Amino acid sequence: MRLLIISDIHGQVDKVKRLSSALKGIELVLIAGDITTFGGADHAAAVLEPLLSQSVPVLAVPGNCDPEGVSQYLESKQISLQGRTLQQGGYLFVGAGGSLPCPGLTPNECNDSFFETILCKALYRNEANSAFSVSKRLILVTHQPAFGTAVDTVAGRSTGSPSIRRFIETHQPVLAVSGHIHEAFGTDRIGLTVLVNPGPLKQGRYATVDIKADSVVPQLHTLD
């Protein structure tokens, strides 16, 4: 499965439009939040329309800069992963948006335990209602990165979520996607899980990931 991963668009419609050439061969687009900067549903629609008008499926979580209207828009388009699981291409995707409290007040913040609670509830509902096994087939999408990794570090200090890290250590998804920390774009691992922070699309950064039965290969890119 070949994925295109973006995050931290912050309303830059022109950058989304410039992804069109990168969509060749892509089977699914994952968006790890901050679609807008305090914009509502109409703003989210304008940002995502260039992607949603393509033939490639999209799944997304909101970021800390995305107000409730953005979440409602994602729900209306049936592409929201917030606190739920969705199956695509033989994999099970689970997601949680928002972030831990920030230095400046943003509209979609939460305490750390929130992430683990909604992610575990989503998996429990899947296990109760589906025969789909998550073993070796789980992909995690969050805005907030996991604590203590290369993708959550700013000026030598980890800013990620301990509960997201615990979830990864417990369930070992094949891939964990996050954004939020613009400076920490890159890749890392927690056990068997490959971590990817594509960097902010508003600065032209994105990632692709090729997932095969025995490998997960991420690549970081910058728009031409």
Protein backbone atom coordinates (compact mmCIF):
# COMPACT_ATOMS: atom_id res chain seq x y z
CA MET A 1 0.00 0.00 0.00
CA ARG A 2 1.35 3.43 -0.94
CA LEU A 3 0.36 6.37 1.27
CA LEU A 4 0.71 10.12 0.93
CA ILE A 5 1.00 11.81 4.33
CA ILE A 6 0.46 15.50 5.02
CA SER A 7 -0.02 17.62 8.10
CA ASP A 8 -0.11 21.24 9.26
CA ILE A 9 -1.57 22.70 6.09
CA HIS A 10 -2.71 25.80 7.99
CA GLY A 11 -5.02 26.92 5.22
CA GLN A 12 -2.46 26.95 2.40
CA VAL A 13 -4.73 25.92 -0.48
CA ASP A 14 -2.02 26.56 -3.04
CA LYS A 15 0.22 23.95 -1.41
CA VAL A 16 -2.61 21.38 -1.51
CA LYS A 17 -3.16 22.05 -5.20
CA ARG A 18 0.55 21.50 -5.87
CA LEU A 19 0.27 17.93 -4.52
CA SER A 20 -1.57 16.78 -7.64
CA SER A 21 1.56 15.37 -9.29
CA ALA A 22 2.52 13.57 -6.06
CA LEU A 23 -0.76 11.62 -6.09
CA LYS A 24 0.36 9.31 -8.89
CA GLY A 25 0.32 5.73 -7.58
CA ILE A 26 -1.03 6.80 -4.17
CA GLU A 27 -3.73 4.55 -2.70
CA LEU A 28 -4.66 6.66 0.33
CA VAL A 29 -3.98 10.17 1.67
CA LEU A 30 -3.59 10.62 5.44
CA ILE A 31 -3.94 14.08 6.99
CA ALA A 32 -2.58 14.53 10.52
CA GLY A 33 -4.35 17.73 11.48
CA ASP A 34 -4.11 21.54 11.42
CA ILE A 35 -6.00 21.74 8.17
CA THR A 36 -6.81 25.38 9.00
CA THR A 37 -5.61 28.07 11.37
CA PHE A 38 -8.74 28.71 13.41
CA GLY A 39 -10.95 28.36 10.31
CA GLY A 40 -14.39 26.80 10.17
CA ALA A 41 -16.09 24.23 7.98
CA ASP A 42 -16.11 26.48 4.91
CA HIS A 43 -12.39 27.06 5.22
CA ALA A 44 -11.71 23.34 5.63
CA ALA A 45 -13.82 22.64 2.53
CA ALA A 46 -11.80 25.12 0.48
CA VAL A 47 -8.50 23.63 1.69
CA LEU A 48 -9.42 19.99 1.08
CA GLU A 49 -11.48 20.28 -2.10
CA PRO A 50 -8.42 19.89 -4.38
CA LEU A 51 -7.73 16.52 -2.71
CA LEU A 52 -11.30 15.33 -2.34
CA SER A 53 -11.98 16.00 -6.01
CA GLN A 54 -9.35 13.41 -6.92
CA SER A 55 -10.02 9.66 -7.07
CA VAL A 56 -7.78 8.88 -4.08
CA PRO A 57 -9.42 8.13 -0.67
CA VAL A 58 -8.63 10.52 2.19
CA LEU A 59 -8.66 9.99 5.98
CA ALA A 60 -7.99 12.80 8.45
CA VAL A 61 -7.89 13.95 12.05
CA PRO A 62 -8.22 17.58 13.19
CA GLY A 63 -5.34 19.48 14.76
CA ASN A 64 -5.18 21.83 17.72
CA CYS A 65 -5.70 24.82 15.39
CA ASP A 66 -8.87 23.28 13.91
CA PRO A 67 -12.10 24.43 15.62
CA GLU A 68 -15.18 22.22 15.94
CA GLY A 69 -16.42 23.24 12.51
CA VAL A 70 -13.46 21.48 10.90
CA SER A 71 -14.27 18.26 12.76
CA GLN A 72 -17.90 18.55 11.67
CA TYR A 73 -16.80 18.98 8.06
CA LEU A 74 -14.59 15.87 8.21
CA GLU A 75 -17.52 13.94 9.67
CA SER A 76 -19.85 15.18 6.93
CA LYS A 77 -17.44 13.91 4.27
CA GLN A 78 -17.05 10.57 6.11
CA ILE A 79 -13.27 10.93 6.21
CA SER A 80 -12.83 11.58 9.94
CA LEU A 81 -10.68 9.20 11.99
CA GLN A 82 -11.32 11.04 15.23
CA GLY A 83 -11.88 8.35 17.87
CA ARG A 84 -12.82 5.69 15.35
CA THR A 85 -11.47 2.89 13.22
CA LEU A 86 -11.87 2.58 9.45
CA GLN A 87 -10.72 -0.20 7.15
CA GLN A 88 -8.95 0.61 3.92
CA GLY A 89 -6.75 -1.50 1.66
CA GLY A 90 -6.53 -4.38 4.11
CA TYR A 91 -5.39 -2.16 7.00
CA LEU A 92 -7.21 -0.81 10.03
CA PHE A 93 -6.76 2.92 10.67
CA VAL A 94 -7.40 4.52 14.05
CA GLY A 95 -7.02 8.19 14.92
CA ALA A 96 -7.09 10.97 17.48
CA GLY A 97 -6.81 14.68 16.74
CA GLY A 98 -6.04 17.71 18.86
CA SER A 99 -3.00 18.35 21.01
CA LEU A 100 -1.76 18.78 24.53
CA PRO A 101 -2.05 22.33 25.91
CA CYS A 102 0.09 24.78 23.94
CA PRO A 103 1.93 27.94 25.03
CA GLY A 104 -0.72 29.95 23.20
CA LEU A 105 -4.38 28.97 23.59
CA THR A 106 -5.71 27.00 20.61
CA PRO A 107 -9.24 25.66 20.09
CA ASN A 108 -8.63 21.91 20.14
CA GLU A 109 -6.53 20.96 23.17
CA CYS A 110 -6.94 18.15 25.70
CA ASN A 111 -5.21 16.40 28.57
CA ASP A 112 -2.91 13.48 27.89
CA SER A 113 -5.24 10.71 29.04
CA PHE A 114 -7.79 11.73 26.39
CA PHE A 115 -5.70 10.24 23.59
CA GLU A 116 -5.33 6.80 25.14
CA THR A 117 -9.00 6.73 26.14
CA ILE A 118 -10.47 7.45 22.72
CA LEU A 119 -7.95 5.28 20.86
CA CYS A 120 -8.55 2.28 23.11
CA LYS A 121 -12.33 2.76 22.93
CA ALA A 122 -12.13 2.86 19.14
CA LEU A 123 -10.17 -0.41 19.05
CA TYR A 124 -12.56 -2.02 21.53
CA ARG A 125 -15.57 -1.09 19.38
CA ASN A 126 -13.82 -2.55 16.34
CA GLU A 127 -13.03 -5.80 18.12
CA ALA A 128 -16.60 -6.04 19.39
CA ASN A 129 -18.21 -5.37 16.02
CA SER A 130 -15.76 -6.70 13.43
CA ALA A 131 -13.89 -9.86 12.62
CA PHE A 132 -10.96 -7.73 11.40
CA SER A 133 -7.78 -8.56 13.31
CA VAL A 134 -5.50 -5.63 14.15
CA SER A 135 -2.44 -7.85 14.40
CA LYS A 136 0.21 -6.47 11.98
CA ARG A 137 -2.50 -4.47 10.23
CA LEU A 138 -2.95 -1.35 12.40
CA ILE A 139 -2.04 2.21 11.37
CA LEU A 140 -2.27 5.09 13.85
CA VAL A 141 -2.94 8.72 12.86
CA THR A 142 -2.64 11.49 15.47
CA HIS A 143 -1.85 15.18 15.40
CA GLN A 144 0.17 15.02 18.62
CA PRO A 145 3.32 12.86 18.34
CA ALA A 146 4.41 10.22 20.82
CA PHE A 147 6.68 11.29 23.67
CA GLY A 148 10.43 10.80 23.59
CA THR A 149 11.07 10.42 19.88
CA ALA A 150 12.78 12.24 17.04
CA VAL A 151 9.39 13.44 15.79
CA ASP A 152 8.37 15.30 18.96
CA THR A 153 11.57 17.12 19.92
CA VAL A 154 12.00 20.91 19.96
CA ALA A 155 15.33 22.41 21.07
CA GLY A 156 16.29 19.11 22.69
CA ARG A 157 13.04 18.82 24.65
CA SER A 158 10.36 16.17 24.09
CA THR A 159 6.88 17.64 23.72
CA GLY A 160 4.87 14.55 22.77
CA SER A 161 2.20 12.49 24.48
CA PRO A 162 3.14 9.71 26.94
CA SER A 163 -0.27 8.08 26.44
CA ILE A 164 0.16 7.92 22.65
CA ARG A 165 3.54 6.33 23.25
CA ARG A 166 1.95 3.75 25.58
CA PHE A 167 -0.69 2.98 22.97
CA ILE A 168 2.04 2.39 20.38
CA GLU A 169 4.09 0.21 22.73
CA THR A 170 1.02 -1.87 23.58
CA HIS A 171 -0.52 -2.30 20.13
CA GLN A 172 2.56 -1.95 17.89
CA PRO A 173 0.92 -0.52 14.77
CA VAL A 174 2.99 -0.93 11.63
CA LEU A 175 2.94 2.86 11.19
CA ALA A 176 2.23 5.86 13.42
CA VAL A 177 1.68 9.19 11.67
CA SER A 178 1.74 12.55 13.47
CA GLY A 179 2.37 16.24 12.87
CA HIS A 180 2.09 19.30 15.16
CA ILE A 181 5.81 19.80 15.85
CA HIS A 182 6.87 21.60 12.69
CA GLU A 183 10.58 21.49 13.49
CA ALA A 184 10.59 17.71 14.17
CA PHE A 185 9.78 16.44 10.68
CA GLY A 186 11.41 13.07 10.14
CA THR A 187 11.13 9.41 11.04
CA ASP A 188 11.84 7.21 14.06
CA ARG A 189 10.78 3.88 15.57
CA ILE A 190 9.16 2.59 18.74
CA GLY A 191 9.74 -1.14 18.75
CA LEU A 192 8.30 -2.47 15.50
CA THR A 193 6.39 0.73 14.75
CA VAL A 194 7.68 3.21 12.16
CA LEU A 195 6.96 6.83 13.11
CA VAL A 196 6.54 9.59 10.51
CA ASN A 197 6.14 13.33 10.94
CA PRO A 198 5.97 14.67 7.37
CA GLY A 199 6.57 18.27 8.42
CA PRO A 200 4.22 21.16 7.67
CA LEU A 201 2.69 21.24 4.22
CA LYS A 202 2.47 25.01 4.62
CA GLN A 203 6.25 24.90 4.18
CA GLY A 204 5.96 22.46 1.28
CA ARG A 205 6.80 19.30 3.23
CA TYR A 206 5.07 15.94 2.88
CA ALA A 207 5.88 12.22 3.04
CA THR A 208 5.13 8.99 1.24
CA VAL A 209 5.13 5.54 2.80
CA ASP A 210 5.27 2.20 1.02
CA ILE A 211 3.90 -0.64 3.14
CA LYS A 212 4.51 -4.23 2.14
CA ALA A 213 4.11 -7.51 3.99
CA ASP A 214 7.63 -7.32 5.40
CA SER A 215 8.58 -3.64 5.26
CA VAL A 216 7.46 -0.06 5.90
CA VAL A 217 9.52 2.45 3.91
CA PRO A 218 8.93 6.18 4.50
CA GLN A 219 10.32 8.99 2.37
CA LEU A 220 10.28 12.70 3.12
CA HIS A 221 9.65 15.16 0.29
CA THR A 222 9.48 18.88 -0.43
CA LEU A 223 7.23 20.39 -3.10
CA ASP A 224 9.09 21.43 -6.24
